[in-house]
Amino acid sequence: MDFQLTDEQRALKDGTRELLAGRFGRDRLRAAVEDPGPDRALWRELGAAGFFALRLPEKGGGVGLGLPEAVLVLEEAGRALLPGPLVACQLLAGVVDGVATGEKTVGLCEGAREPVLWEHPAGCDELILVEGGEEGGGEVEGDEEEGARERTGGAYRSASDRVSCAPFASVDPLTPLARVLDLPRTDPVALDVPRLRREAALLTAAQQLGSAVRTVEMAAGHAREREQFGAPIGSFQAVKQLCAQMLVRAEMARSAVYAASITESVLDITGAKLLADEAAVRNARDCLQVHGGMGFTWEADVHLHLKRAWLRAECWGAAGEAEELLAAGLIA
């Protein structure tokens, strides 16, 4: 069986990279760091290019592609450090009018006790709260109805001006965060919550993969250019080993993420997220090491990749949860 990308998928990946390079280059990235609010003009440009309508049927004005293609697009978005509620808009383009075209943004918040809204709480037009629906459990002893609700999950939709949020400090300057204090549960949305959680985890893993690949390129590029003792630092064995380990992590994560997009298995997606998180975080750290003191300065982009990787590693399944779920799957 051939799992290589098709010519069409390669063209999609290359086209997305070119689009983001032209619309969200380094100058625009740095402007977003200074002003992390949502860039509506950029969002509309992405919508016009079919970024959010990728998986909608062609009859409904979408592109008609599948989850593997969405993974390729989000990988490039992660590589470019594109900010904003990308995963939410990708998953909910067919649920909230105007999201597919980029005219509106929608946010996803998760959690039953202290829901957290990821990515631009102040800039989203609508919010959808997701409760329950975690894979691999959720039954409540002695209460079948409550147990069923936890397993299937629920989703509620509300306009952002009706939601009470409390912003809190984010490690990533491009990604404001907030806790949802009160979201009216009066407008339920018919969503397959377990599936939404799986796909959100996979698309987040795809972004982590893009960041991991980009930091490999940054480290290798710097190692070729930076000289010490009259030779490029990339000629030194210690630096070679760092870069080689980074590449291995990124390629392992790539294989896992691409495979999970085909199987859509909960365990495959969980493993892919775990590997992609590790690759993104450890590669960014090693990239900092290759850059030396320069990598810690605000002018370098390495720290932005590390901070984004830390944040995404807590989205849609942290390492501890993933390990428990994989262990349960192995025992079963």
Protein backbone atom coordinates (compact mmCIF):
# COMPACT_ATOMS: atom_id res chain seq x y z
CA MET A 1 0.00 0.00 0.00
CA ASP A 2 1.39 3.40 -1.02
CA PHE A 3 1.12 6.11 1.63
CA GLN A 4 3.09 8.74 -0.31
CA LEU A 5 1.36 12.06 -0.96
CA THR A 6 -0.42 12.31 -4.28
CA ASP A 7 0.48 14.99 -6.80
CA GLU A 8 -2.69 16.88 -5.83
CA GLN A 9 -1.81 16.74 -2.13
CA ARG A 10 1.72 17.97 -2.80
CA ALA A 11 0.30 20.83 -4.87
CA LEU A 12 -2.08 21.71 -2.03
CA LYS A 13 0.76 21.71 0.50
CA ASP A 14 3.04 23.81 -1.73
CA GLY A 15 0.22 26.19 -2.59
CA THR A 16 -0.64 26.70 1.08
CA ARG A 17 3.01 27.45 1.88
CA GLU A 18 3.19 30.01 -0.93
CA LEU A 19 -0.09 31.58 0.16
CA LEU A 20 1.06 31.98 3.75
CA ALA A 21 4.49 33.24 2.70
CA GLY A 22 2.79 35.96 0.67
CA ARG A 23 0.03 36.83 3.15
CA PHE A 24 1.75 36.18 6.50
CA GLY A 25 5.46 36.74 6.10
CA ARG A 26 7.86 37.62 8.88
CA ASP A 27 6.90 41.31 8.93
CA ARG A 28 3.24 40.42 9.43
CA LEU A 29 4.19 37.86 12.06
CA ARG A 30 6.11 40.46 14.01
CA ALA A 31 3.23 42.93 13.69
CA ALA A 32 0.93 40.27 15.13
CA VAL A 33 3.27 39.85 18.10
CA GLU A 34 2.96 43.56 18.86
CA ASP A 35 -0.83 43.54 18.31
CA PRO A 36 -2.20 40.02 18.92
CA GLY A 37 -5.79 40.87 17.99
CA PRO A 38 -7.40 38.96 15.10
CA ASP A 39 -6.47 40.19 11.64
CA ARG A 40 -9.85 40.31 9.88
CA ALA A 41 -8.38 41.17 6.50
CA LEU A 42 -6.07 38.16 6.65
CA TRP A 43 -8.95 35.94 7.77
CA ARG A 44 -11.04 36.99 4.78
CA GLU A 45 -8.11 36.34 2.45
CA LEU A 46 -7.75 32.83 3.88
CA GLY A 47 -11.48 32.26 3.54
CA ALA A 48 -11.43 33.37 -0.10
CA ALA A 49 -8.64 30.85 -0.74
CA GLY A 50 -10.79 28.02 0.66
CA PHE A 51 -8.75 27.59 3.82
CA PHE A 52 -11.78 26.99 6.05
CA ALA A 53 -14.13 25.44 3.47
CA LEU A 54 -11.61 22.72 2.69
CA ARG A 55 -13.78 19.83 3.93
CA LEU A 56 -17.20 21.17 3.02
CA PRO A 57 -18.91 19.48 0.04
CA GLU A 58 -18.54 21.17 -3.33
CA LYS A 59 -22.32 21.48 -3.64
CA GLY A 60 -22.26 23.69 -0.57
CA GLY A 61 -19.50 25.90 -1.91
CA GLY A 62 -16.65 23.97 -0.29
CA VAL A 63 -13.55 22.33 -1.71
CA GLY A 64 -14.72 18.77 -1.06
CA LEU A 65 -11.49 17.37 0.38
CA GLY A 66 -10.92 15.23 3.46
CA LEU A 67 -9.12 15.05 6.78
CA PRO A 68 -5.70 14.17 5.28
CA GLU A 69 -5.78 17.36 3.20
CA ALA A 70 -6.83 19.41 6.23
CA VAL A 71 -3.81 18.00 8.08
CA LEU A 72 -1.50 19.15 5.28
CA VAL A 73 -2.95 22.66 5.36
CA LEU A 74 -2.73 22.95 9.16
CA GLU A 75 0.83 21.64 9.05
CA GLU A 76 1.79 24.61 6.88
CA ALA A 77 -0.11 26.96 9.19
CA GLY A 78 1.90 25.63 12.13
CA ARG A 79 5.11 26.07 10.18
CA ALA A 80 4.24 29.74 9.58
CA LEU A 81 3.07 30.30 13.20
CA LEU A 82 -0.24 31.56 11.85
CA PRO A 83 -2.28 32.71 14.88
CA GLY A 84 -6.01 32.56 15.45
CA PRO A 85 -8.73 29.94 15.99
CA LEU A 86 -7.67 27.85 12.99
CA VAL A 87 -8.78 24.48 14.33
CA ALA A 88 -12.16 25.79 15.46
CA CYS A 89 -12.87 27.49 12.14
CA GLN A 90 -11.74 24.42 10.20
CA LEU A 91 -14.06 22.13 12.20
CA LEU A 92 -17.07 24.46 12.47
CA ALA A 93 -17.13 26.00 8.99
CA GLY A 94 -20.32 24.08 8.22
CA VAL A 95 -21.95 24.91 11.56
CA VAL A 96 -21.67 28.70 11.86
CA ASP A 97 -22.57 30.83 8.86
CA GLY A 98 -19.78 33.10 7.62
CA VAL A 99 -16.90 31.03 9.03
CA ALA A 100 -16.18 29.23 5.74
CA THR A 101 -15.67 32.55 3.92
CA GLY A 102 -13.64 34.13 6.70
CA GLU A 103 -16.27 36.76 7.48
CA LYS A 104 -16.72 35.36 10.99
CA THR A 105 -14.49 33.64 13.53
CA VAL A 106 -15.66 31.01 15.97
CA GLY A 107 -13.97 29.79 19.13
CA LEU A 108 -14.03 26.42 20.84
CA CYS A 109 -13.89 26.17 24.60
CA GLU A 110 -13.60 22.86 26.41
CA GLY A 111 -14.05 21.58 29.94
CA ALA A 112 -16.95 21.05 32.30
CA ARG A 113 -15.69 22.77 35.47
CA GLU A 114 -13.42 25.55 34.23
CA PRO A 115 -13.83 25.77 30.46
CA VAL A 116 -10.84 27.28 28.67
CA LEU A 117 -11.20 29.20 25.45
CA TRP A 118 -8.19 28.72 23.22
CA GLU A 119 -7.13 31.45 20.78
CA HIS A 120 -8.39 35.03 20.64
CA PRO A 121 -11.33 35.11 23.07
CA ALA A 122 -12.04 38.78 22.42
CA GLY A 123 -12.02 38.42 18.64
CA CYS A 124 -14.43 35.51 18.14
CA ASP A 125 -17.92 36.31 16.91
CA GLU A 126 -19.40 33.12 18.34
CA LEU A 127 -18.30 30.54 20.88
CA ILE A 128 -19.09 26.85 21.14
CA LEU A 129 -18.66 25.16 24.50
CA VAL A 130 -17.80 21.44 24.36
CA GLU A 131 -18.51 19.30 27.41
CA GLY A 132 -17.80 15.60 27.88
CA GLY A 133 -17.23 13.35 24.90
CA GLU A 134 -13.77 12.21 26.00
CA GLU A 135 -12.72 8.89 24.54
CA GLY A 136 -12.12 5.86 26.69
CA GLY A 137 -14.41 6.36 29.64
CA GLY A 138 -16.76 8.77 31.29
CA GLU A 139 -19.31 6.39 32.86
CA VAL A 140 -20.80 7.46 36.15
CA GLU A 141 -21.57 4.59 38.50
CA GLY A 142 -25.24 4.31 39.36
CA ASP A 143 -26.39 6.98 36.93
CA GLU A 144 -26.78 5.69 33.38
CA GLU A 145 -28.19 8.91 31.98
CA GLU A 146 -25.32 11.02 33.29
CA GLY A 147 -22.81 8.42 32.13
CA ALA A 148 -24.26 8.46 28.62
CA ARG A 149 -24.07 12.26 28.52
CA GLU A 150 -20.41 12.18 29.54
CA ARG A 151 -19.60 9.62 26.85
CA THR A 152 -21.42 11.34 24.01
CA GLY A 153 -20.76 14.88 25.18
CA GLY A 154 -22.67 18.04 24.44
CA ALA A 155 -22.07 21.34 22.65
CA TYR A 156 -23.66 24.75 23.16
CA ARG A 157 -23.48 27.80 20.92
CA SER A 158 -23.56 31.42 21.98
CA ALA A 159 -22.69 34.85 20.61
CA SER A 160 -19.49 36.17 22.15
CA ASP A 161 -21.17 39.22 23.68
CA ARG A 162 -23.36 36.90 25.80
CA VAL A 163 -20.38 35.06 27.28
CA SER A 164 -18.49 36.11 30.38
CA CYS A 165 -14.75 35.46 30.07
CA ALA A 166 -11.75 36.12 32.28
CA PRO A 167 -8.49 36.56 30.34
CA PHE A 168 -5.36 35.08 31.88
CA ALA A 169 -1.67 35.21 31.01
CA SER A 170 -0.56 33.19 28.01
CA VAL A 171 2.97 31.95 27.43
CA ASP A 172 2.50 32.66 23.71
CA PRO A 173 2.23 36.37 22.86
CA LEU A 174 0.28 35.47 19.68
CA THR A 175 -2.38 33.47 21.52
CA PRO A 176 -4.49 35.25 24.15
CA LEU A 177 -6.34 32.89 26.51
CA ALA A 178 -9.43 33.15 28.70
CA ARG A 179 -11.50 31.10 31.11
CA VAL A 180 -15.20 30.95 30.37
CA LEU A 181 -17.03 32.06 33.51
CA ASP A 182 -20.54 31.86 32.10
CA LEU A 183 -21.80 30.61 28.74
CA PRO A 184 -25.60 30.21 28.38
CA ARG A 185 -26.48 26.58 27.70
CA THR A 186 -29.70 27.50 25.91
CA ASP A 187 -28.69 26.85 22.31
CA PRO A 188 -27.44 23.26 21.93
CA VAL A 189 -25.61 22.31 18.73
CA ALA A 190 -25.93 18.90 17.10
CA LEU A 191 -22.28 17.90 16.98
CA ASP A 192 -20.50 14.57 17.20
CA VAL A 193 -18.44 15.69 20.18
CA PRO A 194 -16.10 12.66 20.43
CA ARG A 195 -15.31 13.01 16.73
CA LEU A 196 -14.80 16.77 17.09
CA ARG A 197 -12.34 16.15 19.94
CA ARG A 198 -10.42 13.58 17.89
CA GLU A 199 -10.16 15.85 14.87
CA ALA A 200 -9.23 18.88 16.99
CA ALA A 201 -6.40 16.85 18.54
CA LEU A 202 -5.20 15.69 15.12
CA LEU A 203 -5.27 19.15 13.56
CA THR A 204 -3.42 20.54 16.58
CA ALA A 205 -0.85 17.76 16.13
CA ALA A 206 -0.51 18.80 12.48
CA GLN A 207 0.34 22.35 13.58
CA GLN A 208 2.91 20.96 16.01
CA LEU A 209 4.41 18.93 13.17
CA GLY A 210 4.74 22.05 11.01
CA SER A 211 6.53 23.86 13.83
CA ALA A 212 8.85 20.89 14.45
CA VAL A 213 9.81 20.76 10.76
CA ARG A 214 10.39 24.50 10.63
CA THR A 215 12.72 24.50 13.64
CA VAL A 216 14.78 21.74 11.97
CA GLU A 217 15.20 24.04 8.97
CA MET A 218 16.08 27.00 11.18
CA ALA A 219 18.67 25.03 13.14
CA ALA A 220 20.29 23.54 10.04
CA GLY A 221 20.34 26.92 8.28
CA HIS A 222 22.00 28.63 11.24
CA ALA A 223 24.50 25.76 11.63
CA ARG A 224 25.59 26.22 8.02
CA GLU A 225 26.03 29.99 8.32
CA ARG A 226 27.41 30.52 11.83
CA GLU A 227 31.18 30.07 12.11
CA GLN A 228 33.40 29.37 15.10
CA PHE A 229 37.15 28.70 15.02
CA GLY A 230 37.09 29.34 11.29
CA ALA A 231 34.53 26.63 10.47
CA PRO A 232 30.70 26.42 10.28
CA ILE A 233 29.32 25.14 13.60
CA GLY A 234 27.40 22.52 11.60
CA SER A 235 30.72 20.74 11.06
CA PHE A 236 31.02 20.04 14.80
CA GLN A 237 29.84 16.61 15.94
CA ALA A 238 27.69 17.89 18.82
CA VAL A 239 25.71 20.21 16.54
CA LYS A 240 25.36 17.49 13.90
CA GLN A 241 23.84 15.17 16.48
CA LEU A 242 21.37 17.79 17.68
CA CYS A 243 20.17 18.48 14.15
CA ALA A 244 19.96 14.76 13.32
CA GLN A 245 17.87 14.06 16.43
CA MET A 246 15.57 16.94 15.53
CA LEU A 247 15.03 15.53 12.05
CA VAL A 248 14.28 12.05 13.40
CA ARG A 249 11.66 13.43 15.81
CA ALA A 250 9.99 15.47 13.08
CA GLU A 251 9.83 12.55 10.63
CA MET A 252 8.48 10.17 13.27
CA ALA A 253 5.77 12.69 14.09
CA ARG A 254 5.02 13.19 10.39
CA SER A 255 4.49 9.45 9.84
CA ALA A 256 2.20 9.22 12.88
CA VAL A 257 0.14 12.31 12.01
CA TYR A 258 -0.32 11.36 8.35
CA ALA A 259 -1.27 7.78 9.27
CA ALA A 260 -3.79 8.95 11.89
CA SER A 261 -5.46 11.19 9.31
CA ILE A 262 -6.17 8.05 7.27
CA THR A 263 -7.25 5.67 10.03
CA GLU A 264 -8.99 8.30 12.24
CA SER A 265 -8.51 5.85 15.11
CA VAL A 266 -8.62 7.38 18.58
CA LEU A 267 -5.44 5.57 19.64
CA ASP A 268 -3.62 6.52 16.44
CA ILE A 269 -4.60 10.16 16.89
CA THR A 270 -3.60 10.08 20.57
CA GLY A 271 -0.18 8.65 19.68
CA ALA A 272 0.26 11.17 16.87
CA LYS A 273 -0.53 14.09 19.19
CA LEU A 274 1.92 12.78 21.79
CA LEU A 275 4.73 12.42 19.23
CA ALA A 276 4.00 15.76 17.57
CA ASP A 277 3.96 17.59 20.91
CA GLU A 278 7.29 16.06 21.87
CA ALA A 279 8.81 16.87 18.48
CA ALA A 280 7.63 20.49 18.55
CA VAL A 281 8.78 21.21 22.10
CA ARG A 282 12.10 19.35 22.03
CA ASN A 283 12.99 20.56 18.53
CA ALA A 284 12.38 24.17 19.54
CA ARG A 285 14.60 23.68 22.59
CA ASP A 286 17.36 22.10 20.51
CA CYS A 287 17.00 24.86 17.92
CA LEU A 288 17.61 27.37 20.72
CA GLN A 289 20.70 25.38 21.69
CA VAL A 290 22.05 25.51 18.14
CA HIS A 291 21.46 29.26 17.98
CA GLY A 292 23.22 29.79 21.33
CA GLY A 293 22.66 33.11 23.09
CA MET A 294 21.21 34.64 19.92
CA GLY A 295 18.26 32.26 20.07
CA PHE A 296 17.07 33.72 23.38
CA THR A 297 16.77 37.27 22.02
CA TRP A 298 13.40 38.78 21.16
CA GLU A 299 14.54 39.39 17.57
CA ALA A 300 14.85 35.66 16.84
CA ASP A 301 11.75 33.64 15.97
CA VAL A 302 12.87 30.48 17.78
CA HIS A 303 11.28 31.47 21.07
CA LEU A 304 7.91 31.96 19.34
CA HIS A 305 7.97 28.35 18.15
CA LEU A 306 8.84 27.11 21.64
CA LYS A 307 6.09 29.13 23.31
CA ARG A 308 3.48 28.05 20.75
CA ALA A 309 4.59 24.42 21.14
CA TRP A 310 4.20 24.61 24.92
CA LEU A 311 0.69 25.98 24.55
CA ARG A 312 -0.50 23.50 21.91
CA ALA A 313 0.85 20.62 24.00
CA GLU A 314 -1.90 21.43 26.53
CA CYS A 315 -4.68 21.66 23.93
CA TRP A 316 -6.99 18.73 23.23
CA GLY A 317 -5.12 16.15 25.28
CA ALA A 318 -2.00 16.78 27.34
CA ALA A 319 0.80 14.22 27.60
CA GLY A 320 -0.44 12.63 30.82
CA GLU A 321 -3.94 12.05 29.43
CA ALA A 322 -2.55 10.68 26.17
CA GLU A 323 -0.25 8.24 27.96
CA GLU A 324 -3.11 6.95 30.14
CA LEU A 325 -5.35 6.45 27.12
CA LEU A 326 -2.63 4.62 25.15
CA ALA A 327 -1.86 2.42 28.16
CA ALA A 328 -5.55 1.52 28.51
CA GLY A 329 -5.65 0.66 24.81
CA LEU A 330 -2.63 -1.62 25.13
CA ILE A 331 -4.12 -3.41 28.14
CA ALA A 332 -7.46 -3.85 26.35
